[in-house]
Amino acid sequence: MAETPPTLIDLLRHGEPEGGTRFRGYTDDPLSEQGWAQMRAAVQPDEQWDAVVASPLLRCVEFAAELAGRLGVPLETETRFQEIGFGEWEGRTYDELHLSHPGRLDLFLRDPARHTPPGGEKLDDFIERVTAAWLELLARHDGKRILLVAHGGVNRVILCHALQIPTQNLFRLEVKFAGRSRIRVLSGGDEPFPQLVFHGSPQP
């Protein structure tokens, strides 16, 4: 009996949205012209996936739909891969928060579970929904190659889960616009065995 080939998941963060860098969790801004260029540059012409999975927010799903159509592969959207909600910080820039809430942003980055933005989504709830969607994706696409187009926070949670990094260290992982990571998941044994192939590069 042939062994199941490894599952390959490429994590791709969206490119720059209209309005530039700011906290935009649930805020549904589309990609800027620069963001579209970043996304297209992150994918090589000869690359192929069995399916493209995306957050339903515009900055992810519009590029995902374009790519899936070009490749002739299925497009799946998954609401649980939406970014964490930032509450009252939505739409604010880093500089604005440093001025209005000195020190608060630093506390959030160092310990996000204990310093949720006012009205924001609890980190434990965010981790729970992303992890559940991730495990279901692996089970559904066992042995396939998948591109997941999502967000910085989502990709950090997946990387922490795969590498068993404590989630309090979530923001120690840098995930740039259109940055890519690849996780190879070996089947067999008592549970899947994920390996990080590369991280933080737009190129394989």
C-alpha atoms as a PDB file:
ATOM      1  CA  MET A   1       0.000   0.000   0.000  1.00  0.00           C
ATOM      2  CA  ALA A   2       1.489   3.349  -1.101  1.00  0.00           C
ATOM      3  CA  GLU A   3       2.150   5.951   1.544  1.00  0.00           C
ATOM      4  CA  THR A   4       0.190   9.210   1.387  1.00  0.00           C
ATOM      5  CA  PRO A   5       2.448  11.980   0.057  1.00  0.00           C
ATOM      6  CA  PRO A   6       3.089  14.936   2.357  1.00  0.00           C
ATOM      7  CA  THR A   7       0.614  17.779   2.391  1.00  0.00           C
ATOM      8  CA  LEU A   8       2.175  21.072   1.288  1.00  0.00           C
ATOM      9  CA  ILE A   9       0.542  24.291   2.456  1.00  0.00           C
ATOM     10  CA  ASP A  10       1.828  27.650   1.262  1.00  0.00           C
ATOM     11  CA  LEU A  11       0.755  30.494   3.537  1.00  0.00           C
ATOM     12  CA  LEU A  12       0.541  33.811   1.692  1.00  0.00           C
ATOM     13  CA  ARG A  13      -0.291  37.039   3.456  1.00  0.00           C
ATOM     14  CA  HIS A  14      -2.231  39.636   1.493  1.00  0.00           C
ATOM     15  CA  GLY A  15      -0.384  42.579  -0.031  1.00  0.00           C
ATOM     16  CA  GLU A  16      -0.682  46.225   0.972  1.00  0.00           C
ATOM     17  CA  PRO A  17      -4.332  47.358   1.208  1.00  0.00           C
ATOM     18  CA  GLU A  18      -5.644  50.743   0.178  1.00  0.00           C
ATOM     19  CA  GLY A  19      -4.806  53.157   2.972  1.00  0.00           C
ATOM     20  CA  GLY A  20      -1.435  51.591   3.748  1.00  0.00           C
ATOM     21  CA  THR A  21      -0.321  49.971   6.970  1.00  0.00           C
ATOM     22  CA  ARG A  22      -2.854  50.217   9.786  1.00  0.00           C
ATOM     23  CA  PHE A  23      -4.877  47.968  12.099  1.00  0.00           C
ATOM     24  CA  ARG A  24      -7.708  46.719   9.927  1.00  0.00           C
ATOM     25  CA  GLY A  25      -8.757  43.286  11.312  1.00  0.00           C
ATOM     26  CA  TYR A  26     -12.381  43.057  10.143  1.00  0.00           C
ATOM     27  CA  THR A  27     -12.174  46.255   8.055  1.00  0.00           C
ATOM     28  CA  ASP A  28     -12.660  45.168   4.451  1.00  0.00           C
ATOM     29  CA  ASP A  29     -10.285  47.350   2.433  1.00  0.00           C
ATOM     30  CA  PRO A  30      -9.243  46.037  -0.991  1.00  0.00           C
ATOM     31  CA  LEU A  31      -5.659  45.744  -2.178  1.00  0.00           C
ATOM     32  CA  SER A  32      -3.906  48.864  -3.380  1.00  0.00           C
ATOM     33  CA  GLU A  33      -2.203  48.911  -6.765  1.00  0.00           C
ATOM     34  CA  GLN A  34       1.050  48.209  -4.919  1.00  0.00           C
ATOM     35  CA  GLY A  35      -0.636  45.348  -3.067  1.00  0.00           C
ATOM     36  CA  TRP A  36      -1.732  43.698  -6.315  1.00  0.00           C
ATOM     37  CA  ALA A  37       1.831  43.975  -7.632  1.00  0.00           C
ATOM     38  CA  GLN A  38       3.203  42.428  -4.432  1.00  0.00           C
ATOM     39  CA  MET A  39       0.807  39.475  -4.628  1.00  0.00           C
ATOM     40  CA  ARG A  40       1.478  38.762  -8.280  1.00  0.00           C
ATOM     41  CA  ALA A  41       5.223  38.925  -7.683  1.00  0.00           C
ATOM     42  CA  ALA A  42       4.924  36.427  -4.803  1.00  0.00           C
ATOM     43  CA  VAL A  43       3.657  33.674  -7.109  1.00  0.00           C
ATOM     44  CA  GLN A  44       5.829  32.214  -9.856  1.00  0.00           C
ATOM     45  CA  PRO A  45       4.316  31.576 -13.324  1.00  0.00           C
ATOM     46  CA  ASP A  46       5.027  27.827 -13.234  1.00  0.00           C
ATOM     47  CA  GLU A  47       3.686  27.162  -9.719  1.00  0.00           C
ATOM     48  CA  GLN A  48       0.658  24.924  -9.329  1.00  0.00           C
ATOM     49  CA  TRP A  49      -1.690  24.095  -6.457  1.00  0.00           C
ATOM     50  CA  ASP A  50      -4.590  21.672  -6.155  1.00  0.00           C
ATOM     51  CA  ALA A  51      -6.787  24.368  -4.611  1.00  0.00           C
ATOM     52  CA  VAL A  52      -6.644  27.941  -3.352  1.00  0.00           C
ATOM     53  CA  VAL A  53      -8.177  28.700   0.050  1.00  0.00           C
ATOM     54  CA  ALA A  54      -8.781  32.272   1.185  1.00  0.00           C
ATOM     55  CA  SER A  55     -10.153  34.541   3.849  1.00  0.00           C
ATOM     56  CA  PRO A  56     -13.334  36.134   2.446  1.00  0.00           C
ATOM     57  CA  LEU A  57     -12.025  39.669   3.043  1.00  0.00           C
ATOM     58  CA  LEU A  58     -11.332  41.576  -0.177  1.00  0.00           C
ATOM     59  CA  ARG A  59      -7.607  41.991   0.364  1.00  0.00           C
ATOM     60  CA  CYS A  60      -7.295  38.188   0.241  1.00  0.00           C
ATOM     61  CA  VAL A  61     -10.132  36.760  -1.821  1.00  0.00           C
ATOM     62  CA  GLU A  62      -9.877  39.007  -4.877  1.00  0.00           C
ATOM     63  CA  PHE A  63      -6.324  37.920  -5.641  1.00  0.00           C
ATOM     64  CA  ALA A  64      -7.143  34.320  -4.677  1.00  0.00           C
ATOM     65  CA  ALA A  65     -10.038  34.283  -7.159  1.00  0.00           C
ATOM     66  CA  GLU A  66      -7.853  35.697  -9.922  1.00  0.00           C
ATOM     67  CA  LEU A  67      -5.146  33.101  -9.301  1.00  0.00           C
ATOM     68  CA  ALA A  68      -7.532  30.141  -8.975  1.00  0.00           C
ATOM     69  CA  GLY A  69      -9.201  31.163 -12.232  1.00  0.00           C
ATOM     70  CA  ARG A  70      -5.875  31.391 -14.033  1.00  0.00           C
ATOM     71  CA  LEU A  71      -4.748  28.007 -12.726  1.00  0.00           C
ATOM     72  CA  GLY A  72      -8.123  26.334 -13.253  1.00  0.00           C
ATOM     73  CA  VAL A  73      -8.316  25.043  -9.661  1.00  0.00           C
ATOM     74  CA  PRO A  74     -11.080  25.301  -7.015  1.00  0.00           C
ATOM     75  CA  LEU A  75     -11.344  28.376  -4.807  1.00  0.00           C
ATOM     76  CA  GLU A  76     -12.540  27.879  -1.233  1.00  0.00           C
ATOM     77  CA  THR A  77     -13.366  30.709   1.173  1.00  0.00           C
ATOM     78  CA  GLU A  78     -13.284  30.180   4.923  1.00  0.00           C
ATOM     79  CA  THR A  79     -14.613  32.820   7.315  1.00  0.00           C
ATOM     80  CA  ARG A  80     -12.551  31.424  10.194  1.00  0.00           C
ATOM     81  CA  PHE A  81      -9.403  32.536   8.366  1.00  0.00           C
ATOM     82  CA  GLN A  82     -10.413  36.215   8.752  1.00  0.00           C
ATOM     83  CA  GLU A  83      -8.014  38.453  10.649  1.00  0.00           C
ATOM     84  CA  ILE A  84      -8.413  39.054  14.383  1.00  0.00           C
ATOM     85  CA  GLY A  85     -10.751  41.937  15.197  1.00  0.00           C
ATOM     86  CA  PHE A  86      -8.994  44.977  16.674  1.00  0.00           C
ATOM     87  CA  GLY A  87     -12.053  46.710  18.137  1.00  0.00           C
ATOM     88  CA  GLU A  88     -11.432  50.424  18.746  1.00  0.00           C
ATOM     89  CA  TRP A  89      -8.025  50.121  17.052  1.00  0.00           C
ATOM     90  CA  GLU A  90      -9.584  49.328  13.665  1.00  0.00           C
ATOM     91  CA  GLY A  91      -8.383  51.794  11.038  1.00  0.00           C
ATOM     92  CA  ARG A  92      -5.716  53.324  13.294  1.00  0.00           C
ATOM     93  CA  THR A  93      -2.048  53.504  12.379  1.00  0.00           C
ATOM     94  CA  TYR A  94       0.810  52.468  14.649  1.00  0.00           C
ATOM     95  CA  ASP A  95       1.884  56.116  15.027  1.00  0.00           C
ATOM     96  CA  GLU A  96      -1.637  57.188  16.015  1.00  0.00           C
ATOM     97  CA  LEU A  97      -1.799  54.527  18.713  1.00  0.00           C
ATOM     98  CA  HIS A  98       1.629  55.435  20.059  1.00  0.00           C
ATOM     99  CA  LEU A  99       0.395  59.010  20.494  1.00  0.00           C
ATOM    100  CA  SER A 100      -3.070  58.254  21.896  1.00  0.00           C
ATOM    101  CA  HIS A 101      -2.173  55.212  24.036  1.00  0.00           C
ATOM    102  CA  PRO A 102       1.528  55.403  24.947  1.00  0.00           C
ATOM    103  CA  GLY A 103       2.854  51.978  25.864  1.00  0.00           C
ATOM    104  CA  ARG A 104      -0.422  50.146  25.152  1.00  0.00           C
ATOM    105  CA  LEU A 105       0.672  48.881  21.744  1.00  0.00           C
ATOM    106  CA  ASP A 106       3.946  47.563  23.163  1.00  0.00           C
ATOM    107  CA  LEU A 107       2.019  45.652  25.843  1.00  0.00           C
ATOM    108  CA  PHE A 108      -0.243  44.134  23.188  1.00  0.00           C
ATOM    109  CA  LEU A 109       2.685  42.990  21.049  1.00  0.00           C
ATOM    110  CA  ARG A 110       4.490  41.472  24.041  1.00  0.00           C
ATOM    111  CA  ASP A 111       1.469  39.777  25.611  1.00  0.00           C
ATOM    112  CA  PRO A 112      -1.585  39.902  23.309  1.00  0.00           C
ATOM    113  CA  ALA A 113      -3.680  37.543  25.444  1.00  0.00           C
ATOM    114  CA  ARG A 114      -3.644  39.908  28.425  1.00  0.00           C
ATOM    115  CA  HIS A 115      -3.831  43.210  26.536  1.00  0.00           C
ATOM    116  CA  THR A 116      -6.696  42.911  24.070  1.00  0.00           C
ATOM    117  CA  PRO A 117      -7.518  46.187  22.263  1.00  0.00           C
ATOM    118  CA  PRO A 118     -10.735  47.760  23.639  1.00  0.00           C
ATOM    119  CA  GLY A 119     -13.679  45.962  22.055  1.00  0.00           C
ATOM    120  CA  GLY A 120     -11.339  43.612  20.186  1.00  0.00           C
ATOM    121  CA  GLU A 121     -11.564  39.874  19.673  1.00  0.00           C
ATOM    122  CA  LYS A 122     -10.077  37.812  22.484  1.00  0.00           C
ATOM    123  CA  LEU A 123      -6.850  36.111  21.459  1.00  0.00           C
ATOM    124  CA  ASP A 124      -8.001  32.705  22.729  1.00  0.00           C
ATOM    125  CA  ASP A 125     -11.150  32.920  20.595  1.00  0.00           C
ATOM    126  CA  PHE A 126      -9.098  33.908  17.548  1.00  0.00           C
ATOM    127  CA  ILE A 127      -6.624  31.069  18.056  1.00  0.00           C
ATOM    128  CA  GLU A 128      -9.437  28.558  18.550  1.00  0.00           C
ATOM    129  CA  ARG A 129     -11.235  29.431  15.313  1.00  0.00           C
ATOM    130  CA  VAL A 130      -8.083  29.612  13.176  1.00  0.00           C
ATOM    131  CA  THR A 131      -6.690  26.357  14.567  1.00  0.00           C
ATOM    132  CA  ALA A 132      -9.983  24.526  13.993  1.00  0.00           C
ATOM    133  CA  ALA A 133     -10.108  25.738  10.380  1.00  0.00           C
ATOM    134  CA  TRP A 134      -6.451  24.771   9.882  1.00  0.00           C
ATOM    135  CA  LEU A 135      -6.921  21.212  11.160  1.00  0.00           C
ATOM    136  CA  GLU A 136     -10.010  20.760   8.993  1.00  0.00           C
ATOM    137  CA  LEU A 137      -8.091  22.053   5.972  1.00  0.00           C
ATOM    138  CA  LEU A 138      -5.335  19.484   6.564  1.00  0.00           C
ATOM    139  CA  ALA A 139      -7.832  16.645   6.895  1.00  0.00           C
ATOM    140  CA  ARG A 140      -9.772  17.711   3.798  1.00  0.00           C
ATOM    141  CA  HIS A 141      -6.703  18.152   1.598  1.00  0.00           C
ATOM    142  CA  ASP A 142      -4.483  15.345   2.873  1.00  0.00           C
ATOM    143  CA  GLY A 143      -1.638  14.686   0.441  1.00  0.00           C
ATOM    144  CA  LYS A 144      -2.357  17.754  -1.699  1.00  0.00           C
ATOM    145  CA  ARG A 145      -0.679  21.092  -2.325  1.00  0.00           C
ATOM    146  CA  ILE A 146      -2.715  24.085  -1.165  1.00  0.00           C
ATOM    147  CA  LEU A 147      -2.249  27.857  -1.226  1.00  0.00           C
ATOM    148  CA  LEU A 148      -3.836  29.656   1.733  1.00  0.00           C
ATOM    149  CA  VAL A 149      -4.256  33.402   1.197  1.00  0.00           C
ATOM    150  CA  ALA A 150      -4.868  34.995   4.581  1.00  0.00           C
ATOM    151  CA  HIS A 151      -3.616  37.568   7.075  1.00  0.00           C
ATOM    152  CA  GLY A 152      -0.600  38.262   9.235  1.00  0.00           C
ATOM    153  CA  GLY A 153      -2.339  37.207  12.440  1.00  0.00           C
ATOM    154  CA  VAL A 154      -3.844  34.079  10.903  1.00  0.00           C
ATOM    155  CA  ASN A 155      -0.530  32.941   9.453  1.00  0.00           C
ATOM    156  CA  ARG A 156       1.222  33.564  12.773  1.00  0.00           C
ATOM    157  CA  VAL A 157      -1.305  31.386  14.609  1.00  0.00           C
ATOM    158  CA  ILE A 158      -0.820  28.567  12.089  1.00  0.00           C
ATOM    159  CA  LEU A 159       2.962  28.795  12.348  1.00  0.00           C
ATOM    160  CA  CYS A 160       2.836  28.777  16.138  1.00  0.00           C
ATOM    161  CA  HIS A 161       0.543  25.746  16.105  1.00  0.00           C
ATOM    162  CA  ALA A 162       2.661  23.858  13.580  1.00  0.00           C
ATOM    163  CA  LEU A 163       5.948  24.564  15.362  1.00  0.00           C
ATOM    164  CA  GLN A 164       4.561  24.370  18.919  1.00  0.00           C
ATOM    165  CA  ILE A 165       5.581  27.966  19.643  1.00  0.00           C
ATOM    166  CA  PRO A 166       3.765  29.452  22.660  1.00  0.00           C
ATOM    167  CA  THR A 167       1.122  31.823  21.317  1.00  0.00           C
ATOM    168  CA  GLN A 168       2.236  34.551  23.727  1.00  0.00           C
ATOM    169  CA  ASN A 169       5.166  34.866  21.280  1.00  0.00           C
ATOM    170  CA  LEU A 170       2.853  35.417  18.309  1.00  0.00           C
ATOM    171  CA  PHE A 171       4.304  38.791  17.353  1.00  0.00           C
ATOM    172  CA  ARG A 172       7.899  37.598  17.493  1.00  0.00           C
ATOM    173  CA  LEU A 173       7.165  36.207  14.023  1.00  0.00           C
ATOM    174  CA  GLU A 174       7.416  38.841  11.305  1.00  0.00           C
ATOM    175  CA  VAL A 175       4.961  38.357   8.444  1.00  0.00           C
ATOM    176  CA  LYS A 176       5.343  40.995   5.740  1.00  0.00           C
ATOM    177  CA  PHE A 177       2.866  42.012   3.061  1.00  0.00           C
ATOM    178  CA  ALA A 178       2.792  39.201   0.463  1.00  0.00           C
ATOM    179  CA  GLY A 179       5.226  37.208   2.608  1.00  0.00           C
ATOM    180  CA  ARG A 180       5.148  33.445   2.118  1.00  0.00           C
ATOM    181  CA  SER A 181       5.775  30.468   4.355  1.00  0.00           C
ATOM    182  CA  ARG A 182       5.590  26.784   3.467  1.00  0.00           C
ATOM    183  CA  ILE A 183       4.571  24.008   5.811  1.00  0.00           C
ATOM    184  CA  ARG A 184       5.070  20.370   4.865  1.00  0.00           C
ATOM    185  CA  VAL A 185       2.895  17.984   6.858  1.00  0.00           C
ATOM    186  CA  LEU A 186       3.920  14.331   7.025  1.00  0.00           C
ATOM    187  CA  SER A 187       1.137  11.818   7.591  1.00  0.00           C
ATOM    188  CA  GLY A 188       1.440   8.487   9.375  1.00  0.00           C
ATOM    189  CA  GLY A 189       2.184   7.884  13.006  1.00  0.00           C
ATOM    190  CA  ASP A 190      -0.137   8.930  15.796  1.00  0.00           C
ATOM    191  CA  GLU A 191      -0.621  12.472  14.483  1.00  0.00           C
ATOM    192  CA  PRO A 192       0.488  14.692  11.579  1.00  0.00           C
ATOM    193  CA  PHE A 193       4.070  15.968  11.725  1.00  0.00           C
ATOM    194  CA  PRO A 194       4.445  19.533  10.361  1.00  0.00           C
ATOM    195  CA  GLN A 195       7.794  20.923   9.165  1.00  0.00           C
ATOM    196  CA  LEU A 196       8.582  24.530   8.238  1.00  0.00           C
ATOM    197  CA  VAL A 197      10.204  24.524   4.788  1.00  0.00           C
ATOM    198  CA  PHE A 198      10.742  28.283   4.512  1.00  0.00           C
ATOM    199  CA  HIS A 199       9.372  31.459   6.061  1.00  0.00           C
ATOM    200  CA  GLY A 200       9.119  35.124   5.267  1.00  0.00           C
ATOM    201  CA  SER A 201      10.117  35.040   1.616  1.00  0.00           C
ATOM    202  CA  PRO A 202       8.000  35.795  -1.454  1.00  0.00           C
ATOM    203  CA  GLN A 203      10.016  33.125  -3.255  1.00  0.00           C
ATOM    204  CA  PRO A 204      10.121  29.330  -2.590  1.00  0.00           C
END
